[in-house]
């Protein structure tokens, strides 16, 4: 795999054992769980905490929607569609964020 030393490979295998993805039996490593790493592309890690990337977009969209509601003046054709798109965008982004969080690999 191109590791600089065998100890580095053992280190990474031990980390996989800690995560429960691999088990060590009589000095041999065996896969216990197959993880789809493509799912991990939807997550980011900050200071050891892993969270869905969409939470950033959902928070920003929610903040803009709240600001729009705070500055709201009167109902008309344009304000109705601005309200509708703001509400739908907020709901969809939070739904996707929650869905990614619930389906994260454990």
N, C-alpha and C. Protein backbone atom coordinates (compact mmCIF):
# COMPACT_ATOMS: atom_id res chain seq x y z
N UNK A 1 0.82 -1.20 0.00
CA UNK A 1 0.00 0.00 0.00
C UNK A 1 0.86 1.26 0.00
N UNK A 2 2.14 1.10 0.01
CA UNK A 2 3.01 2.26 -0.08
C UNK A 2 3.31 2.91 1.26
N UNK A 3 3.12 2.20 2.38
CA UNK A 3 3.48 2.76 3.69
C UNK A 3 4.99 2.82 3.82
N UNK A 4 5.47 3.77 4.59
CA UNK A 4 6.91 3.93 4.75
C UNK A 4 7.54 2.85 5.63
N UNK A 5 6.72 2.21 6.48
CA UNK A 5 7.25 1.14 7.33
C UNK A 5 6.12 0.18 7.71
N UNK A 6 6.47 -1.06 8.09
CA UNK A 6 5.44 -2.00 8.52
C UNK A 6 4.72 -1.55 9.78
N UNK A 7 5.41 -0.81 10.64
CA UNK A 7 4.78 -0.32 11.88
C UNK A 7 3.62 0.62 11.58
N UNK A 8 3.75 1.38 10.51
CA UNK A 8 2.67 2.29 10.14
C UNK A 8 1.43 1.51 9.71
N UNK A 9 1.63 0.41 9.00
CA UNK A 9 0.50 -0.44 8.60
C UNK A 9 -0.17 -1.05 9.83
N UNK A 10 0.62 -1.51 10.80
CA UNK A 10 0.07 -2.08 12.03
C UNK A 10 -0.70 -1.01 12.80
N UNK A 11 -0.18 0.20 12.84
CA UNK A 11 -0.86 1.31 13.52
C UNK A 11 -2.27 1.51 12.92
N UNK A 12 -2.35 1.56 11.58
CA UNK A 12 -3.64 1.79 10.94
C UNK A 12 -4.57 0.58 11.12
N UNK A 13 -4.03 -0.61 11.09
CA UNK A 13 -4.86 -1.79 11.34
C UNK A 13 -5.40 -1.79 12.77
N UNK A 14 -4.58 -1.37 13.73
CA UNK A 14 -5.05 -1.28 15.12
C UNK A 14 -6.16 -0.24 15.26
N UNK A 15 -6.07 0.85 14.51
CA UNK A 15 -7.14 1.86 14.53
C UNK A 15 -8.44 1.27 13.97
N UNK A 16 -8.33 0.46 12.93
CA UNK A 16 -9.52 -0.20 12.37
C UNK A 16 -10.11 -1.20 13.37
N UNK A 17 -9.25 -1.84 14.15
CA UNK A 17 -9.73 -2.75 15.20
C UNK A 17 -10.51 -1.95 16.25
N UNK A 18 -9.98 -0.79 16.65
CA UNK A 18 -10.66 0.07 17.64
C UNK A 18 -12.04 0.51 17.14
N UNK A 19 -12.16 0.75 15.84
CA UNK A 19 -13.44 1.18 15.26
C UNK A 19 -14.41 0.03 15.06
N UNK A 20 -13.92 -1.21 15.21
CA UNK A 20 -14.79 -2.37 15.05
C UNK A 20 -14.97 -2.81 13.61
N UNK A 21 -14.16 -2.28 12.72
CA UNK A 21 -14.25 -2.63 11.30
C UNK A 21 -13.45 -3.89 11.01
N UNK A 22 -12.40 -4.09 11.78
CA UNK A 22 -11.50 -5.24 11.62
C UNK A 22 -11.33 -5.88 12.98
N UNK A 23 -11.15 -7.22 13.00
CA UNK A 23 -10.83 -7.90 14.25
C UNK A 23 -9.52 -8.66 14.09
N UNK A 24 -8.80 -8.77 15.18
CA UNK A 24 -7.51 -9.46 15.17
C UNK A 24 -7.69 -10.79 15.86
N UNK A 25 -7.46 -11.88 15.11
CA UNK A 25 -7.61 -13.23 15.64
C UNK A 25 -6.31 -13.98 15.36
N UNK A 26 -5.66 -14.40 16.43
CA UNK A 26 -4.41 -15.18 16.33
C UNK A 26 -3.38 -14.50 15.43
N UNK A 27 -3.25 -13.18 15.58
CA UNK A 27 -2.25 -12.44 14.82
C UNK A 27 -2.65 -12.09 13.41
N UNK A 28 -3.85 -12.48 13.00
CA UNK A 28 -4.33 -12.16 11.66
C UNK A 28 -5.50 -11.19 11.76
N UNK A 29 -5.61 -10.32 10.78
CA UNK A 29 -6.68 -9.33 10.75
C UNK A 29 -7.77 -9.80 9.79
N UNK A 30 -9.03 -9.70 10.25
CA UNK A 30 -10.18 -10.10 9.45
C UNK A 30 -11.21 -8.97 9.45
N UNK A 31 -11.76 -8.70 8.28
CA UNK A 31 -12.78 -7.65 8.14
C UNK A 31 -14.08 -8.14 8.77
N UNK A 32 -14.66 -7.31 9.65
CA UNK A 32 -15.93 -7.66 10.29
C UNK A 32 -17.09 -6.82 9.75
N UNK A 33 -16.76 -5.66 9.21
CA UNK A 33 -17.81 -4.75 8.73
C UNK A 33 -17.30 -4.02 7.51
N UNK A 34 -18.08 -4.02 6.45
CA UNK A 34 -17.72 -3.28 5.25
C UNK A 34 -18.37 -1.90 5.33
N UNK A 35 -17.55 -0.87 5.18
CA UNK A 35 -18.03 0.51 5.30
C UNK A 35 -17.93 1.17 3.94
N UNK A 36 -19.02 1.80 3.52
CA UNK A 36 -19.03 2.56 2.27
C UNK A 36 -18.39 3.92 2.54
N UNK A 37 -17.14 4.09 2.13
CA UNK A 37 -16.43 5.34 2.42
C UNK A 37 -16.95 6.50 1.59
N UNK A 38 -17.72 6.21 0.53
CA UNK A 38 -18.31 7.29 -0.25
C UNK A 38 -19.26 8.15 0.58
N UNK A 39 -19.87 7.54 1.59
CA UNK A 39 -20.77 8.26 2.48
C UNK A 39 -19.99 9.30 3.29
N UNK A 40 -18.73 9.02 3.58
CA UNK A 40 -17.93 9.92 4.40
C UNK A 40 -17.63 11.25 3.71
N UNK A 41 -17.81 11.31 2.40
CA UNK A 41 -17.58 12.56 1.68
C UNK A 41 -18.57 13.63 2.11
N UNK A 42 -19.69 13.23 2.67
CA UNK A 42 -20.72 14.18 3.10
C UNK A 42 -20.47 14.73 4.50
N UNK A 43 -19.35 14.34 5.12
CA UNK A 43 -19.05 14.76 6.49
C UNK A 43 -17.73 15.50 6.55
N UNK A 44 -17.60 16.31 7.58
CA UNK A 44 -16.35 17.01 7.84
C UNK A 44 -16.01 16.86 9.31
N UNK A 45 -14.74 16.98 9.64
CA UNK A 45 -14.29 16.78 11.01
C UNK A 45 -13.61 18.05 11.50
N UNK A 46 -14.06 18.54 12.65
CA UNK A 46 -13.47 19.72 13.28
C UNK A 46 -13.22 19.39 14.74
N UNK A 47 -11.97 19.43 15.14
CA UNK A 47 -11.56 19.17 16.52
C UNK A 47 -12.12 17.86 17.06
N UNK A 48 -12.09 16.83 16.24
CA UNK A 48 -12.53 15.52 16.68
C UNK A 48 -14.02 15.26 16.57
N UNK A 49 -14.80 16.27 16.22
CA UNK A 49 -16.24 16.09 16.08
C UNK A 49 -16.59 15.99 14.60
N UNK A 50 -17.29 14.95 14.22
CA UNK A 50 -17.68 14.74 12.83
C UNK A 50 -19.13 15.17 12.67
N UNK A 51 -19.39 16.00 11.66
CA UNK A 51 -20.76 16.44 11.42
C UNK A 51 -21.01 16.57 9.92
N UNK A 52 -22.28 16.51 9.50
CA UNK A 52 -22.60 16.62 8.08
C UNK A 52 -22.23 18.00 7.53
N UNK A 53 -21.71 18.03 6.32
CA UNK A 53 -21.33 19.29 5.71
C UNK A 53 -22.53 20.18 5.46
N UNK A 54 -23.70 19.59 5.24
CA UNK A 54 -24.89 20.38 4.95
C UNK A 54 -25.31 21.24 6.12
N UNK A 55 -24.84 20.94 7.32
CA UNK A 55 -25.25 21.73 8.49
C UNK A 55 -24.79 23.18 8.35
N UNK A 56 -23.67 23.38 7.66
CA UNK A 56 -23.17 24.74 7.43
C UNK A 56 -24.15 25.49 6.52
N UNK A 57 -24.54 24.84 5.43
CA UNK A 57 -25.47 25.47 4.48
C UNK A 57 -26.85 25.66 5.10
N UNK A 58 -27.30 24.67 5.85
CA UNK A 58 -28.62 24.78 6.49
C UNK A 58 -28.64 25.92 7.50
N UNK A 59 -27.57 26.07 8.27
CA UNK A 59 -27.49 27.16 9.25
C UNK A 59 -27.47 28.52 8.56
N UNK A 60 -26.71 28.63 7.48
CA UNK A 60 -26.63 29.90 6.75
C UNK A 60 -27.99 30.25 6.14
N UNK A 61 -28.63 29.27 5.50
CA UNK A 61 -29.93 29.51 4.86
C UNK A 61 -30.98 29.88 5.91
N UNK A 62 -30.93 29.21 7.06
CA UNK A 62 -31.87 29.51 8.15
C UNK A 62 -31.65 30.92 8.67
N UNK A 63 -30.40 31.32 8.82
CA UNK A 63 -30.10 32.68 9.28
C UNK A 63 -30.63 33.72 8.31
N UNK A 64 -30.44 33.48 7.02
CA UNK A 64 -30.96 34.42 6.02
C UNK A 64 -32.48 34.47 6.03
N UNK A 65 -33.12 33.34 6.23
CA UNK A 65 -34.58 33.29 6.28
C UNK A 65 -35.10 34.04 7.51
N UNK A 66 -34.46 33.86 8.64
CA UNK A 66 -34.86 34.58 9.86
C UNK A 66 -34.67 36.07 9.67
N UNK A 67 -33.55 36.47 9.04
CA UNK A 67 -33.33 37.89 8.77
C UNK A 67 -34.42 38.43 7.85
N UNK A 68 -34.80 37.64 6.84
CA UNK A 68 -35.89 38.07 5.95
C UNK A 68 -37.18 38.26 6.74
N UNK A 69 -37.50 37.34 7.62
CA UNK A 69 -38.72 37.47 8.42
C UNK A 69 -38.66 38.68 9.34
N UNK A 70 -37.47 38.98 9.86
CA UNK A 70 -37.30 40.14 10.74
C UNK A 70 -37.51 41.44 9.97
N UNK A 71 -37.05 41.47 8.74
CA UNK A 71 -37.15 42.68 7.92
C UNK A 71 -38.42 42.73 7.08
N UNK A 72 -39.29 41.76 7.24
CA UNK A 72 -40.50 41.67 6.43
C UNK A 72 -41.38 42.91 6.64
N UNK A 73 -41.91 43.46 5.52
CA UNK A 73 -42.73 44.67 5.59
C UNK A 73 -44.18 44.42 5.22
N UNK A 74 -44.43 43.86 4.04
CA UNK A 74 -45.81 43.70 3.58
C UNK A 74 -45.89 42.54 2.59
N UNK A 75 -47.07 41.93 2.53
CA UNK A 75 -47.27 40.83 1.59
C UNK A 75 -47.52 41.38 0.20
N UNK A 76 -46.81 40.86 -0.76
CA UNK A 76 -47.10 41.11 -2.16
C UNK A 76 -46.61 39.89 -2.95
N UNK A 77 -46.68 39.96 -4.24
CA UNK A 77 -46.30 38.84 -5.08
C UNK A 77 -44.86 38.39 -4.81
N UNK A 78 -43.94 39.33 -4.74
CA UNK A 78 -42.51 39.01 -4.58
C UNK A 78 -42.20 38.53 -3.16
N UNK A 79 -42.83 39.13 -2.17
CA UNK A 79 -42.55 38.70 -0.80
C UNK A 79 -43.10 37.30 -0.54
N UNK A 80 -44.21 36.95 -1.21
CA UNK A 80 -44.76 35.60 -1.07
C UNK A 80 -43.76 34.56 -1.59
N UNK A 81 -43.20 34.79 -2.78
CA UNK A 81 -42.26 33.84 -3.34
C UNK A 81 -40.94 33.83 -2.58
N UNK A 82 -40.51 34.96 -2.07
CA UNK A 82 -39.30 34.99 -1.24
C UNK A 82 -39.53 34.17 0.03
N UNK A 83 -40.70 34.33 0.64
CA UNK A 83 -41.04 33.55 1.83
C UNK A 83 -41.09 32.06 1.50
N UNK A 84 -41.74 31.71 0.39
CA UNK A 84 -41.89 30.32 -0.01
C UNK A 84 -40.53 29.67 -0.28
N UNK A 85 -39.67 30.33 -1.05
CA UNK A 85 -38.34 29.77 -1.34
C UNK A 85 -37.48 29.71 -0.08
N UNK A 86 -37.58 30.70 0.77
CA UNK A 86 -36.83 30.66 2.03
C UNK A 86 -37.26 29.51 2.92
N UNK A 87 -38.56 29.32 3.04
CA UNK A 87 -39.08 28.24 3.88
C UNK A 87 -38.73 26.87 3.29
N UNK A 88 -38.96 26.69 1.99
CA UNK A 88 -38.65 25.41 1.36
C UNK A 88 -37.16 25.09 1.41
N UNK A 89 -36.33 26.08 1.14
CA UNK A 89 -34.88 25.88 1.20
C UNK A 89 -34.43 25.47 2.59
N UNK A 90 -34.96 26.13 3.60
CA UNK A 90 -34.63 25.81 4.98
C UNK A 90 -35.06 24.39 5.33
N UNK A 91 -36.29 24.04 5.00
CA UNK A 91 -36.79 22.70 5.32
C UNK A 91 -36.01 21.60 4.59
N UNK A 92 -35.73 21.80 3.31
CA UNK A 92 -35.02 20.79 2.53
C UNK A 92 -33.59 20.61 3.06
N UNK A 93 -32.90 21.70 3.32
CA UNK A 93 -31.52 21.59 3.82
C UNK A 93 -31.46 20.91 5.18
N UNK A 94 -32.38 21.24 6.09
CA UNK A 94 -32.37 20.58 7.39
C UNK A 94 -32.78 19.11 7.29
N UNK A 95 -33.69 18.80 6.36
CA UNK A 95 -34.08 17.40 6.14
C UNK A 95 -32.87 16.60 5.66
N UNK A 96 -32.13 17.12 4.68
CA UNK A 96 -30.95 16.43 4.16
C UNK A 96 -29.87 16.30 5.23
N UNK A 97 -29.69 17.33 6.04
CA UNK A 97 -28.70 17.27 7.11
C UNK A 97 -29.06 16.18 8.11
N UNK A 98 -30.31 16.14 8.52
CA UNK A 98 -30.75 15.12 9.47
C UNK A 98 -30.66 13.72 8.86
N UNK A 99 -31.02 13.59 7.60
CA UNK A 99 -30.94 12.31 6.91
C UNK A 99 -29.49 11.81 6.84
N UNK A 100 -28.56 12.68 6.50
CA UNK A 100 -27.14 12.29 6.48
C UNK A 100 -26.65 11.92 7.87
N UNK A 101 -27.08 12.64 8.88
CA UNK A 101 -26.65 12.36 10.25
C UNK A 101 -27.15 11.00 10.71
N UNK A 102 -28.39 10.69 10.40
CA UNK A 102 -28.97 9.41 10.84
C UNK A 102 -28.40 8.23 10.06
N UNK A 103 -27.92 8.46 8.84
CA UNK A 103 -27.38 7.39 8.02
C UNK A 103 -25.85 7.34 8.02
N UNK A 104 -25.23 8.03 8.95
CA UNK A 104 -23.77 8.06 9.00
C UNK A 104 -23.23 6.67 9.40
N UNK A 105 -22.03 6.35 8.93
CA UNK A 105 -21.43 5.08 9.38
C UNK A 105 -21.05 5.16 10.84
N UNK A 106 -21.24 4.09 11.54
CA UNK A 106 -20.94 4.09 12.99
C UNK A 106 -19.83 3.14 13.30
